[in-house]
Amino acid sequence: MKLTETDVRYVANLANLTLTEEEIGRMVHDLGGILEQMDRLAEIDTEGVAPMAQVLYEASDTATLRPDVERAPLGSELAVANAPVTAGGYYKVPKVIER
């Protein structure tokens, strides 16, 4: 798939991003390269490969997982302790839906 400036502008608009002309050109190049790589990966024959196969080691299914130990929850006061603005135990953030 060939990425165009129109595509980059459209996605930037969806993400509410303001990009300079230089950034748009760079994104066309960089994102285009990523999409090309994804196209190459899609061409690889994966017939016979089990879903979620681990290629890094042959160990038990939980070799990289920590033990599942129950812990007390963090709590609202501690969770928002370093937030710049809070109200009622919640984070307050600027409205971003309207432009």
C-alpha atoms as a PDB file:
ATOM      1  CA  MET A   1       0.000   0.000   0.000  1.00  0.00           C
ATOM      2  CA  LYS A   2       1.386   3.367  -1.030  1.00  0.00           C
ATOM      3  CA  LEU A   3       0.830   6.059   1.619  1.00  0.00           C
ATOM      4  CA  THR A   4       0.036   9.565   0.396  1.00  0.00           C
ATOM      5  CA  GLU A   5       0.151  13.028   1.953  1.00  0.00           C
ATOM      6  CA  THR A   6      -3.648  12.978   1.958  1.00  0.00           C
ATOM      7  CA  ASP A   7      -3.623   9.810   4.062  1.00  0.00           C
ATOM      8  CA  VAL A   8      -1.176  11.322   6.559  1.00  0.00           C
ATOM      9  CA  ARG A   9      -3.201  14.540   6.809  1.00  0.00           C
ATOM     10  CA  TYR A  10      -6.397  12.523   7.341  1.00  0.00           C
ATOM     11  CA  VAL A  11      -4.885  10.399  10.143  1.00  0.00           C
ATOM     12  CA  ALA A  12      -3.287  13.460  11.748  1.00  0.00           C
ATOM     13  CA  ASN A  13      -6.676  15.164  11.716  1.00  0.00           C
ATOM     14  CA  LEU A  14      -8.298  12.119  13.354  1.00  0.00           C
ATOM     15  CA  ALA A  15      -5.602  12.210  16.049  1.00  0.00           C
ATOM     16  CA  ASN A  16      -6.072  15.980  16.445  1.00  0.00           C
ATOM     17  CA  LEU A  17      -2.418  16.572  15.487  1.00  0.00           C
ATOM     18  CA  THR A  18      -1.059  19.647  13.766  1.00  0.00           C
ATOM     19  CA  LEU A  19       1.875  18.670  11.569  1.00  0.00           C
ATOM     20  CA  THR A  20       4.220  20.935   9.647  1.00  0.00           C
ATOM     21  CA  GLU A  21       4.910  20.302   5.962  1.00  0.00           C
ATOM     22  CA  GLU A  22       8.287  18.836   6.949  1.00  0.00           C
ATOM     23  CA  GLU A  23       6.649  16.478   9.462  1.00  0.00           C
ATOM     24  CA  ILE A  24       4.052  15.391   6.903  1.00  0.00           C
ATOM     25  CA  GLY A  25       6.808  14.529   4.412  1.00  0.00           C
ATOM     26  CA  ARG A  26       8.704  12.598   7.071  1.00  0.00           C
ATOM     27  CA  MET A  27       5.546  10.730   8.118  1.00  0.00           C
ATOM     28  CA  VAL A  28       4.782   9.776   4.505  1.00  0.00           C
ATOM     29  CA  HIS A  29       8.264   8.263   4.293  1.00  0.00           C
ATOM     30  CA  ASP A  30       8.403   6.656   7.749  1.00  0.00           C
ATOM     31  CA  LEU A  31       4.840   5.338   7.895  1.00  0.00           C
ATOM     32  CA  GLY A  32       5.086   4.206   4.280  1.00  0.00           C
ATOM     33  CA  GLY A  33       8.139   2.135   5.235  1.00  0.00           C
ATOM     34  CA  ILE A  34       6.262   0.571   8.130  1.00  0.00           C
ATOM     35  CA  LEU A  35       3.330  -0.353   5.879  1.00  0.00           C
ATOM     36  CA  GLU A  36       5.721  -1.840   3.302  1.00  0.00           C
ATOM     37  CA  GLN A  37       7.271  -3.982   6.023  1.00  0.00           C
ATOM     38  CA  MET A  38       3.800  -5.131   7.121  1.00  0.00           C
ATOM     39  CA  ASP A  39       3.047  -6.100   3.500  1.00  0.00           C
ATOM     40  CA  ARG A  40       6.260  -8.183   3.422  1.00  0.00           C
ATOM     41  CA  LEU A  41       5.299  -9.903   6.683  1.00  0.00           C
ATOM     42  CA  ALA A  42       1.865 -10.699   5.262  1.00  0.00           C
ATOM     43  CA  GLU A  43       3.562 -12.611   2.422  1.00  0.00           C
ATOM     44  CA  ILE A  44       5.310 -15.042   4.790  1.00  0.00           C
ATOM     45  CA  ASP A  45       3.911 -18.573   4.690  1.00  0.00           C
ATOM     46  CA  THR A  46       2.727 -19.385   8.209  1.00  0.00           C
ATOM     47  CA  GLU A  47       0.975 -22.611   7.303  1.00  0.00           C
ATOM     48  CA  GLY A  48       1.533 -25.152  10.049  1.00  0.00           C
ATOM     49  CA  VAL A  49       2.682 -22.609  12.649  1.00  0.00           C
ATOM     50  CA  ALA A  50       0.605 -22.842  15.794  1.00  0.00           C
ATOM     51  CA  PRO A  51      -1.057 -19.604  16.913  1.00  0.00           C
ATOM     52  CA  MET A  52       0.909 -17.829  19.632  1.00  0.00           C
ATOM     53  CA  ALA A  53       3.926 -20.092  19.168  1.00  0.00           C
ATOM     54  CA  GLN A  54       6.895 -18.909  21.252  1.00  0.00           C
ATOM     55  CA  VAL A  55      10.065 -18.819  19.217  1.00  0.00           C
ATOM     56  CA  LEU A  56      12.457 -17.560  21.906  1.00  0.00           C
ATOM     57  CA  TYR A  57      12.733 -20.618  24.123  1.00  0.00           C
ATOM     58  CA  GLU A  58      11.341 -24.036  24.856  1.00  0.00           C
ATOM     59  CA  ALA A  59      10.141 -23.742  28.442  1.00  0.00           C
ATOM     60  CA  SER A  60       6.902 -23.988  30.309  1.00  0.00           C
ATOM     61  CA  ASP A  61       3.980 -21.767  29.296  1.00  0.00           C
ATOM     62  CA  THR A  62       4.541 -19.437  32.247  1.00  0.00           C
ATOM     63  CA  ALA A  63       8.330 -19.120  32.117  1.00  0.00           C
ATOM     64  CA  THR A  64       8.266 -15.331  31.684  1.00  0.00           C
ATOM     65  CA  LEU A  65       5.335 -14.566  33.961  1.00  0.00           C
ATOM     66  CA  ARG A  66       5.580 -13.429  37.567  1.00  0.00           C
ATOM     67  CA  PRO A  67       3.648 -15.356  40.204  1.00  0.00           C
ATOM     68  CA  ASP A  68       0.031 -14.236  40.519  1.00  0.00           C
ATOM     69  CA  VAL A  69      -0.021 -12.888  44.063  1.00  0.00           C
ATOM     70  CA  GLU A  70      -2.988 -10.995  45.461  1.00  0.00           C
ATOM     71  CA  ARG A  71      -2.144  -7.463  46.606  1.00  0.00           C
ATOM     72  CA  ALA A  72      -4.122  -4.624  48.172  1.00  0.00           C
ATOM     73  CA  PRO A  73      -5.368  -2.050  45.640  1.00  0.00           C
ATOM     74  CA  LEU A  74      -3.540   1.252  45.256  1.00  0.00           C
ATOM     75  CA  GLY A  75      -6.428   3.437  46.424  1.00  0.00           C
ATOM     76  CA  SER A  76      -7.727   6.731  45.002  1.00  0.00           C
ATOM     77  CA  GLU A  77      -5.749   9.067  47.264  1.00  0.00           C
ATOM     78  CA  LEU A  78      -2.403   7.493  46.442  1.00  0.00           C
ATOM     79  CA  ALA A  79      -3.282   7.121  42.750  1.00  0.00           C
ATOM     80  CA  VAL A  80      -3.942  10.850  42.285  1.00  0.00           C
ATOM     81  CA  ALA A  81      -1.333  12.092  44.773  1.00  0.00           C
ATOM     82  CA  ASN A  82       1.045  13.408  42.076  1.00  0.00           C
ATOM     83  CA  ALA A  83      -1.598  14.623  39.617  1.00  0.00           C
ATOM     84  CA  PRO A  84      -1.434  18.353  38.876  1.00  0.00           C
ATOM     85  CA  VAL A  85      -5.236  18.794  39.115  1.00  0.00           C
ATOM     86  CA  THR A  86      -7.761  16.505  40.807  1.00  0.00           C
ATOM     87  CA  ALA A  87     -11.362  16.685  41.967  1.00  0.00           C
ATOM     88  CA  GLY A  88     -13.388  14.162  43.940  1.00  0.00           C
ATOM     89  CA  GLY A  89     -10.618  11.569  43.831  1.00  0.00           C
ATOM     90  CA  TYR A  90     -10.317  11.686  40.027  1.00  0.00           C
ATOM     91  CA  TYR A  91      -7.848  13.196  37.560  1.00  0.00           C
ATOM     92  CA  LYS A  92      -9.003  16.410  35.880  1.00  0.00           C
ATOM     93  CA  VAL A  93      -7.880  16.755  32.280  1.00  0.00           C
ATOM     94  CA  PRO A  94      -8.550  19.401  29.626  1.00  0.00           C
ATOM     95  CA  LYS A  95     -11.435  18.838  27.243  1.00  0.00           C
ATOM     96  CA  VAL A  96     -10.091  17.599  23.893  1.00  0.00           C
ATOM     97  CA  ILE A  97     -13.200  16.536  22.004  1.00  0.00           C
ATOM     98  CA  GLU A  98     -14.099  19.955  20.623  1.00  0.00           C
ATOM     99  CA  ARG A  99     -11.657  21.896  18.463  1.00  0.00           C
END
